[in-house]
Amino acid sequence: MPLVSMMLPRRHFAPDHVCIPGRQQTRQYNIADVDPWVIQRINTLTIMTMTLEVLSRALPFRPEWIFPSHLPRAATPRSGQYCSHLITGQNVRDLMAALPWNVLTGANIPEPMSFEITVDGRLGFLIERYSEVEFQDLIAYWESTHRFPVPSSLIRSDPYLATSVVERKNRRSHAGARWKQILNLFLIAMREGWCDLDLLLNPYFLQFPKRTDEVAWYPGIEAHSANIADPQLNRREPADLIEALAECDAADPWHTHYRLHHAVHPARRIARLAGKFFNMAALNPNALPLAPQP
């Protein structure tokens, strides 16, 4: 059997006219039918003409769907508004030695809600390749929601912190390049009829925050802010970055990409995602045809 036929689906997951966006022609949607995609953009796209640039530069789902985002942007906290003294070379070493990014993997990876993990063909290849890339770039995904500020004075005075800031930027850059490769496979899978744009909403996939998302980590800001608001509170503030991390992750589930809080992932509230790409299989000339979809 030719390799290409092993990658193609035995049938499209749904009729062309119900895909998001339209497969061959643009469609005019109701907001509720495509949320969280931005309807003004979805109404101008088709699966067959969608480009990598649309997906890699600005996935068109609305701000604040997964990560905080405000217009105008919220004011950046001053050093006195959080525990900036915790950001030291030794504390950062201890934090990295604790391998905090492992919270994103292993048993914390959610079961996919819109596709079957055993799917074959192009979609199965995409899922397998994504899983490899996610593991390879796990630190970058974790850092994307735990990026703490490092003052320029510390960068100049502490070689370890100077190196760590450069390495953090490099990890994000390399991870972004590999994510584009995943999106290219995703475009092919969509055009072949395996799925539509909704596949990317699945909690199984980690998302990198957009530049407009407000996801910086200000260690200890939770306790520090509470104590400023109520001087009588005397809430204990974290003693190091590991303690600050525990507070941060407990306060906002998006910091761990919802992997410690599967049930509150925003995708769980989208009814159309459940089982949307189930019962898909690769083309096999010797198999009985699947029943037509309604």
Protein backbone atom coordinates (compact mmCIF):
# COMPACT_ATOMS: atom_id res chain seq x y z
CA MET A 1 0.00 0.00 0.00
CA PRO A 2 1.53 3.37 -0.95
CA LEU A 3 2.71 5.47 1.98
CA VAL A 4 0.51 8.38 0.94
CA SER A 5 -2.66 6.28 1.30
CA MET A 6 -1.60 5.30 4.80
CA MET A 7 -1.57 8.99 5.71
CA LEU A 8 -4.95 9.88 4.20
CA PRO A 9 -8.18 9.36 6.15
CA ARG A 10 -10.80 6.87 4.99
CA ARG A 11 -13.24 9.75 5.07
CA HIS A 12 -13.27 13.39 6.09
CA PHE A 13 -14.17 13.87 9.74
CA ALA A 14 -17.22 15.95 8.74
CA PRO A 15 -18.89 17.45 5.67
CA ASP A 16 -16.94 20.37 4.24
CA HIS A 17 -19.60 22.95 5.03
CA VAL A 18 -19.46 22.37 8.80
CA CYS A 19 -15.69 22.69 9.22
CA ILE A 20 -14.14 25.55 11.22
CA PRO A 21 -13.23 27.46 9.15
CA GLY A 22 -14.99 26.45 5.93
CA ARG A 23 -13.02 23.90 3.95
CA GLN A 24 -13.26 25.28 0.41
CA GLN A 25 -15.32 28.44 0.93
CA THR A 26 -15.57 31.04 3.66
CA ARG A 27 -18.54 30.79 5.98
CA GLN A 28 -20.43 33.26 8.14
CA TYR A 29 -20.61 31.86 11.67
CA ASN A 30 -22.47 32.77 14.81
CA ILE A 31 -20.11 33.71 17.63
CA ALA A 32 -21.40 30.93 19.89
CA ASP A 33 -20.69 28.30 17.22
CA VAL A 34 -16.98 29.05 16.96
CA ASP A 35 -15.98 30.54 20.33
CA PRO A 36 -13.14 31.10 21.30
CA TRP A 37 -12.05 31.73 17.72
CA VAL A 38 -12.32 35.38 16.71
CA ILE A 39 -15.28 35.38 14.36
CA GLN A 40 -14.09 38.35 12.30
CA ARG A 41 -11.00 36.34 11.36
CA ILE A 42 -12.56 32.88 11.07
CA ASN A 43 -15.16 34.25 8.63
CA THR A 44 -12.35 35.24 6.24
CA LEU A 45 -10.41 31.95 6.32
CA THR A 46 -10.70 28.58 4.62
CA ILE A 47 -8.87 25.40 5.48
CA MET A 48 -7.47 25.03 1.97
CA THR A 49 -6.02 28.54 1.86
CA MET A 50 -4.95 28.96 5.48
CA THR A 51 -1.24 29.73 5.81
CA LEU A 52 1.41 28.86 8.34
CA GLU A 53 1.77 32.55 9.16
CA VAL A 54 -1.84 32.74 10.38
CA LEU A 55 -1.24 29.83 12.72
CA SER A 56 2.31 30.55 13.89
CA ARG A 57 2.08 34.30 14.45
CA ALA A 58 -1.43 34.81 15.75
CA LEU A 59 -3.67 31.85 16.38
CA PRO A 60 -7.00 33.62 16.09
CA PHE A 61 -8.61 32.77 19.40
CA ARG A 62 -9.81 35.59 21.56
CA PRO A 63 -7.64 37.21 24.25
CA GLU A 64 -8.02 35.89 27.79
CA TRP A 65 -9.27 32.50 26.63
CA ILE A 66 -6.31 30.69 28.19
CA PHE A 67 -3.98 33.37 29.55
CA PRO A 68 -4.60 36.78 31.11
CA SER A 69 -4.61 39.66 28.64
CA HIS A 70 -5.73 43.24 29.13
CA LEU A 71 -6.08 46.31 26.94
CA PRO A 72 -4.55 48.57 27.96
CA ARG A 73 -1.93 46.35 29.57
CA ALA A 74 -1.82 46.28 33.34
CA ALA A 75 1.00 48.22 34.96
CA THR A 76 4.16 46.20 35.54
CA PRO A 77 4.63 45.63 39.29
CA ARG A 78 7.53 47.53 40.84
CA SER A 79 10.22 45.59 42.66
CA GLY A 80 8.73 46.62 46.01
CA GLN A 81 5.37 45.09 45.12
CA TYR A 82 6.65 41.50 45.06
CA CYS A 83 9.51 39.55 46.62
CA SER A 84 12.15 40.69 44.15
CA HIS A 85 14.87 39.87 46.68
CA LEU A 86 14.21 36.18 46.01
CA ILE A 87 15.69 36.50 42.53
CA THR A 88 19.29 35.57 43.21
CA GLY A 89 21.73 33.29 41.45
CA GLN A 90 21.53 30.66 44.18
CA ASN A 91 17.75 30.70 44.36
CA VAL A 92 17.48 30.33 40.60
CA ARG A 93 19.97 27.44 40.69
CA ASP A 94 17.90 25.72 43.38
CA LEU A 95 14.70 26.28 41.41
CA MET A 96 16.08 24.82 38.20
CA ALA A 97 17.61 21.89 40.08
CA ALA A 98 14.11 21.02 41.29
CA LEU A 99 13.02 20.37 37.67
CA PRO A 100 9.73 22.26 38.13
CA TRP A 101 8.72 21.74 34.48
CA ASN A 102 8.01 18.07 35.23
CA VAL A 103 4.61 19.24 36.47
CA LEU A 104 3.61 19.45 32.81
CA THR A 105 4.34 15.84 31.89
CA GLY A 106 3.79 12.24 32.95
CA ALA A 107 0.49 11.54 34.67
CA ASN A 108 -0.44 15.24 34.40
CA ILE A 109 -0.87 15.04 30.62
CA PRO A 110 -4.65 15.02 30.09
CA GLU A 111 -6.53 12.46 28.06
CA PRO A 112 -7.45 14.04 24.71
CA MET A 113 -11.09 15.07 24.54
CA SER A 114 -11.56 15.50 20.80
CA PHE A 115 -9.43 12.73 19.26
CA GLU A 116 -8.35 9.21 20.11
CA ILE A 117 -4.74 8.82 21.21
CA THR A 118 -4.49 5.59 19.18
CA VAL A 119 -5.45 7.25 15.89
CA ASP A 120 -3.24 6.36 12.94
CA GLY A 121 -2.45 8.04 9.63
CA ARG A 122 -1.49 11.69 9.35
CA LEU A 123 -3.31 12.66 12.53
CA GLY A 124 -1.56 9.92 14.48
CA PHE A 125 1.79 11.04 13.07
CA LEU A 126 1.01 14.62 14.08
CA ILE A 127 0.12 13.60 17.65
CA GLU A 128 3.23 11.45 17.95
CA ARG A 129 5.49 14.20 16.65
CA TYR A 130 3.85 16.79 18.90
CA SER A 131 4.41 14.59 21.96
CA GLU A 132 8.10 14.33 21.09
CA VAL A 133 8.41 18.09 20.64
CA GLU A 134 6.51 18.85 23.84
CA PHE A 135 8.90 16.69 25.84
CA GLN A 136 11.90 18.21 24.08
CA ASP A 137 10.71 21.74 24.82
CA LEU A 138 9.16 21.13 28.24
CA ILE A 139 11.42 23.69 29.93
CA ALA A 140 10.45 26.36 27.38
CA TYR A 141 6.74 25.65 27.88
CA TRP A 142 7.15 25.91 31.65
CA GLU A 143 9.22 29.09 31.37
CA SER A 144 6.59 30.64 29.09
CA THR A 145 4.28 31.04 32.11
CA HIS A 146 7.00 31.39 34.77
CA ARG A 147 9.23 34.05 33.28
CA PHE A 148 10.43 36.18 36.19
CA PRO A 149 12.18 39.51 35.72
CA VAL A 150 15.96 39.61 36.17
CA PRO A 151 17.23 43.16 36.75
CA SER A 152 20.03 44.32 34.46
CA SER A 153 22.18 44.99 37.52
CA LEU A 154 22.02 41.28 38.44
CA ILE A 155 22.72 40.24 34.88
CA ARG A 156 25.89 42.35 34.95
CA SER A 157 27.02 41.13 38.36
CA ASP A 158 26.06 37.43 38.30
CA PRO A 159 27.45 35.31 35.42
CA TYR A 160 25.02 32.48 36.20
CA LEU A 161 21.98 34.75 35.88
CA ALA A 162 23.41 36.34 32.75
CA THR A 163 23.79 32.90 31.18
CA SER A 164 20.37 31.71 32.35
CA VAL A 165 18.63 34.70 30.74
CA VAL A 166 20.35 34.00 27.40
CA GLU A 167 19.54 30.29 27.62
CA ARG A 168 15.90 31.08 28.40
CA LYS A 169 15.63 33.20 25.24
CA ASN A 170 17.32 30.52 23.16
CA ARG A 171 15.02 27.78 24.45
CA ARG A 172 11.97 29.85 23.54
CA SER A 173 13.33 30.55 20.07
CA HIS A 174 14.12 26.89 19.34
CA ALA A 175 10.75 25.77 20.74
CA GLY A 176 8.97 28.30 18.54
CA ALA A 177 10.71 26.91 15.46
CA ARG A 178 9.67 23.36 16.34
CA TRP A 179 6.10 24.50 17.03
CA LYS A 180 5.98 25.87 13.48
CA GLN A 181 6.91 22.40 12.23
CA ILE A 182 3.98 20.97 14.19
CA LEU A 183 1.65 23.59 12.73
CA ASN A 184 2.82 22.71 9.23
CA LEU A 185 1.86 19.06 9.86
CA PHE A 186 -1.44 20.28 11.28
CA LEU A 187 -2.18 22.27 8.10
CA ILE A 188 -1.63 19.14 6.04
CA ALA A 189 -3.86 17.07 8.33
CA MET A 190 -6.64 19.66 8.04
CA ARG A 191 -6.42 19.76 4.25
CA GLU A 192 -6.56 15.98 4.10
CA GLY A 193 -9.78 15.99 6.16
CA TRP A 194 -8.55 14.60 9.47
CA CYS A 195 -9.59 17.60 11.55
CA ASP A 196 -10.25 21.32 11.58
CA LEU A 197 -8.94 24.24 13.59
CA ASP A 198 -10.71 23.04 16.74
CA LEU A 199 -8.08 20.33 17.18
CA LEU A 200 -5.71 22.95 18.60
CA LEU A 201 -8.15 23.82 21.39
CA ASN A 202 -7.71 20.37 22.90
CA PRO A 203 -6.15 20.55 26.41
CA TYR A 204 -3.71 17.88 25.22
CA PHE A 205 -1.79 20.61 23.40
CA LEU A 206 0.23 23.18 25.29
CA GLN A 207 -0.01 26.75 24.02
CA PHE A 208 2.67 29.41 24.06
CA PRO A 209 1.34 32.74 25.34
CA LYS A 210 1.03 35.55 22.82
CA ARG A 211 3.12 38.68 23.22
CA THR A 212 0.03 40.54 24.44
CA ASP A 213 -0.69 38.00 27.19
CA GLU A 214 0.30 39.01 30.70
CA VAL A 215 1.98 35.91 32.02
CA ALA A 216 5.15 37.17 33.72
CA TRP A 217 5.83 35.66 37.13
CA TYR A 218 6.49 38.06 40.01
CA PRO A 219 7.62 35.76 42.83
CA GLY A 220 5.78 36.21 46.09
CA ILE A 221 3.35 38.78 44.76
CA GLU A 222 0.35 36.88 46.14
CA ALA A 223 1.42 37.05 49.80
CA HIS A 224 3.13 40.43 49.46
CA SER A 225 0.06 42.05 47.92
CA ALA A 226 -2.19 40.56 50.59
CA ASN A 227 0.03 41.95 53.35
CA ILE A 228 0.11 45.40 51.76
CA ALA A 229 -3.69 45.41 51.45
CA ASP A 230 -4.10 44.32 55.08
CA PRO A 231 -1.09 45.13 57.30
CA GLN A 232 -2.67 43.13 60.12
CA LEU A 233 -2.76 39.96 58.04
CA ASN A 234 0.89 39.02 58.58
CA ARG A 235 0.72 36.35 55.89
CA ARG A 236 3.96 34.46 55.65
CA GLU A 237 5.86 35.33 52.50
CA PRO A 238 7.88 32.70 50.59
CA ALA A 239 11.47 32.14 51.69
CA ASP A 240 12.76 31.12 48.27
CA LEU A 241 11.67 30.69 44.66
CA ILE A 242 10.48 27.13 45.20
CA GLU A 243 7.99 28.30 47.83
CA ALA A 244 7.02 31.25 45.65
CA LEU A 245 6.40 28.86 42.76
CA ALA A 246 4.00 26.77 44.84
CA GLU A 247 2.00 29.91 45.70
CA CYS A 248 1.98 31.05 42.10
CA ASP A 249 0.79 27.73 40.68
CA ALA A 250 -1.90 27.36 43.34
CA ALA A 251 -3.24 30.86 42.70
CA ASP A 252 -3.61 30.63 38.91
CA PRO A 253 -4.08 27.27 37.15
CA TRP A 254 -2.96 28.72 33.81
CA HIS A 255 0.60 28.92 35.19
CA THR A 256 0.80 25.13 34.79
CA HIS A 257 -1.19 25.19 31.55
CA TYR A 258 -4.06 23.66 33.57
CA ARG A 259 -2.17 20.39 33.91
CA LEU A 260 -2.79 20.34 37.64
CA HIS A 261 -6.40 21.39 37.13
CA HIS A 262 -7.75 19.53 34.09
CA ALA A 263 -11.39 20.17 34.90
CA VAL A 264 -11.09 23.96 34.73
CA HIS A 265 -9.35 24.15 31.37
CA PRO A 266 -11.49 26.50 29.25
CA ALA A 267 -11.81 23.86 26.53
CA ARG A 268 -13.85 21.69 28.90
CA ARG A 269 -16.72 24.17 28.54
CA ILE A 270 -16.88 23.82 24.75
CA ALA A 271 -19.42 21.09 24.07
CA ARG A 272 -18.61 20.69 20.37
CA LEU A 273 -15.06 19.46 21.15
CA ALA A 274 -16.06 16.24 22.89
CA GLY A 275 -15.31 13.38 20.50
CA LYS A 276 -15.26 15.69 17.47
CA PHE A 277 -12.49 13.76 15.70
CA PHE A 278 -13.25 10.28 17.01
CA ASN A 279 -13.57 7.22 14.77
CA MET A 280 -10.97 8.41 12.29
CA ALA A 281 -8.71 5.92 10.54
CA ALA A 282 -6.19 5.83 7.72
CA LEU A 283 -7.16 4.76 4.23
CA ASN A 284 -7.01 1.00 3.74
CA PRO A 285 -8.20 -0.45 0.43
CA ASN A 286 -8.87 -3.83 2.05
CA ALA A 287 -11.12 -2.51 4.80
CA LEU A 288 -14.89 -2.23 4.65
CA PRO A 289 -16.06 1.35 4.06
CA LEU A 290 -17.11 3.33 7.09
CA ALA A 291 -20.72 4.30 7.41
CA PRO A 292 -21.38 7.74 5.92
CA GLN A 293 -21.61 10.61 8.35
CA PRO A 294 -24.96 12.36 8.78
